[in-house]
Protein backbone atom coordinates (compact mmCIF):
# COMPACT_ATOMS: atom_id res chain seq x y z
CA UNK A 1 136.13 84.95 31.12
CA UNK A 2 136.58 82.17 28.52
CA UNK A 3 134.54 80.54 26.36
CA UNK A 4 133.80 76.98 26.56
CA UNK A 5 133.48 75.13 23.12
CA UNK A 6 131.40 72.60 22.38
CA UNK A 7 131.11 69.92 24.44
CA UNK A 8 131.35 66.42 22.04
CA UNK A 9 129.44 63.49 24.78
CA UNK A 10 131.38 61.20 21.94
CA UNK A 11 134.64 62.28 23.28
CA UNK A 12 133.94 62.71 27.00
CA UNK A 13 132.45 59.19 27.44
CA UNK A 14 135.73 58.13 25.28
CA UNK A 15 137.84 59.58 28.17
CA UNK A 16 135.81 57.73 30.35
CA UNK A 17 135.91 54.87 29.03
CA UNK A 18 139.49 54.89 28.86
CA UNK A 19 140.32 55.53 32.30
CA UNK A 20 137.82 53.08 33.86
CA UNK A 21 139.60 50.64 31.26
CA UNK A 22 143.32 51.16 32.98
CA UNK A 23 141.50 51.87 36.83
CA UNK A 24 140.24 47.98 36.26
CA UNK A 25 142.92 46.53 34.90
CA UNK A 26 144.97 48.27 37.93
CA UNK A 27 142.40 46.78 40.38
CA UNK A 28 142.52 43.47 38.82
CA UNK A 29 146.48 43.81 38.89
CA UNK A 30 145.97 44.40 42.59
CA UNK A 31 143.79 41.74 42.94
CA UNK A 32 146.14 38.73 41.77
CA UNK A 33 149.01 40.37 43.67
CA UNK A 34 147.23 40.92 47.27
CA UNK A 35 150.08 37.38 48.70
CA UNK A 36 152.82 38.28 46.73
CA UNK A 37 155.43 39.21 49.50
CA UNK A 38 158.74 39.53 46.85
CA UNK A 39 158.31 41.32 43.69
CA UNK A 40 161.03 42.24 41.07
CA UNK A 41 162.40 44.66 43.71
CA UNK A 42 162.72 42.53 46.18
CA UNK A 43 160.07 43.68 48.55
CA UNK A 44 155.95 43.16 48.81
CA UNK A 45 153.51 44.48 45.97
CA UNK A 46 152.54 48.04 46.78
CA UNK A 47 148.71 48.60 45.60
CA UNK A 48 148.84 50.66 43.25
CA UNK A 49 146.11 53.25 42.43
CA UNK A 50 145.47 55.38 39.45
CA UNK A 51 145.43 59.45 39.82
CA UNK A 52 142.71 60.66 37.02
CA UNK A 53 142.61 64.42 36.30
CA UNK A 54 140.80 66.61 34.03
CA UNK A 55 141.69 69.05 31.25
CA UNK A 56 141.52 72.52 33.04
CA UNK A 57 140.76 74.38 29.43
CA UNK A 58 137.32 73.24 28.96
CA UNK A 59 134.64 70.10 29.43
CA UNK A 60 136.95 67.54 27.11
CA UNK A 61 136.85 64.47 29.52
CA UNK A 62 139.16 63.31 32.15
CA UNK A 63 142.47 61.26 31.72
CA UNK A 64 144.96 58.81 33.07
CA UNK A 65 147.70 61.30 35.11
CA UNK A 66 149.61 58.43 36.48
CA UNK A 67 149.21 55.04 38.20
CA UNK A 68 151.62 55.21 41.67
CA UNK A 69 152.14 53.13 44.16
CA UNK A 70 150.22 53.36 47.53
CA UNK A 71 153.02 54.77 50.24
CA UNK A 72 149.92 55.76 52.47
CA UNK A 73 148.84 52.26 53.73
CA UNK A 74 151.67 50.74 55.72
CA UNK A 75 152.45 46.96 54.06
CA UNK A 76 151.26 44.03 56.51
CA UNK A 77 153.14 42.55 59.20
CA UNK A 78 151.73 38.75 59.38
CA UNK A 79 153.62 35.95 61.26
CA UNK A 80 154.37 33.46 59.03
CA UNK A 81 157.22 31.28 60.31
CA UNK A 82 159.17 29.36 57.88
CA UNK A 83 158.22 31.32 54.88
CA UNK A 84 161.05 32.17 52.48
CA UNK A 85 160.25 35.73 53.28
CA UNK A 86 160.09 35.66 56.71
CA UNK A 87 162.45 37.49 59.46
CA UNK A 88 164.43 35.91 62.12
CA UNK A 89 161.51 36.62 64.00
CA UNK A 90 158.94 34.79 62.04
CA UNK A 91 157.38 38.07 60.91
CA UNK A 92 156.71 38.73 56.30
CA UNK A 93 155.92 41.76 54.97
CA UNK A 94 153.04 41.00 53.04
CA UNK A 95 151.11 43.62 50.59
CA UNK A 96 148.82 46.68 51.09
CA UNK A 97 146.20 45.25 49.45
CA UNK A 98 142.80 45.00 51.03
CA UNK A 99 140.81 42.60 48.45
CA UNK A 100 137.01 43.87 49.74
CA UNK A 101 138.17 46.88 49.18
CA UNK A 102 139.55 46.22 45.65
CA UNK A 103 135.95 44.34 44.72
CA UNK A 104 134.23 47.60 46.07
CA UNK A 105 136.49 49.90 43.63
CA UNK A 106 136.56 47.36 40.61
CA UNK A 107 132.29 47.41 41.10
CA UNK A 108 132.11 51.44 41.31
CA UNK A 109 134.67 51.03 38.35
CA UNK A 110 132.41 49.08 36.30
CA UNK A 111 129.62 51.29 36.66
CA UNK A 112 131.83 53.94 35.56
CA UNK A 113 132.64 52.00 32.55
CA UNK A 114 128.58 51.21 31.87
CA UNK A 115 127.34 54.62 32.34
CA UNK A 116 130.00 55.96 29.57
CA UNK A 117 129.28 52.98 27.36
CA UNK A 118 125.52 53.92 27.66
CA UNK A 119 126.05 57.58 27.55
CA UNK A 120 127.65 56.22 23.73
CA UNK A 121 124.91 54.28 23.10
CA UNK A 122 121.90 57.09 23.61
CA UNK A 123 124.09 59.29 21.20
CA UNK A 124 124.39 56.88 18.73
CA UNK A 125 120.50 56.14 18.88
CA UNK A 126 119.70 59.71 18.90
CA UNK A 127 122.00 60.63 15.65
CA UNK A 128 119.89 57.30 13.77
CA UNK A 129 117.22 58.60 14.63
CA UNK A 130 117.95 62.29 13.65
CA UNK A 131 119.51 60.41 10.37
CA UNK A 132 116.13 58.74 9.96
CA UNK A 133 114.21 62.32 9.93
CA UNK A 134 115.88 63.66 7.20
CA UNK A 135 115.27 60.81 4.81
């Protein structure tokens, strides 16, 4: 059985802050494109997802493995005759973004970010108390 090295709470919390920052940016991009029927690729915008991974070797935090399109959820087919992207029968393929779901994900990511920031603050406070005791 391998030995787990010293756990550094600063590294773990900092990695969490970085990961949640990426998640919040992706969520904001999803919300901003919730009505984008045509991207540069010529198709409707696809919701993006952040894939996070931990280091299997030990407790070193989390990292963003990739940001990938959500291919599991179908694009929405909306009846909008007269829309520039409408087919002959009047339907437009719209993004697979659900704004209420994205808002809920934003709250979760925001709370996770706050929790990691609180860990860093608590670590700083503890370090300051230890330094005061050494004086």
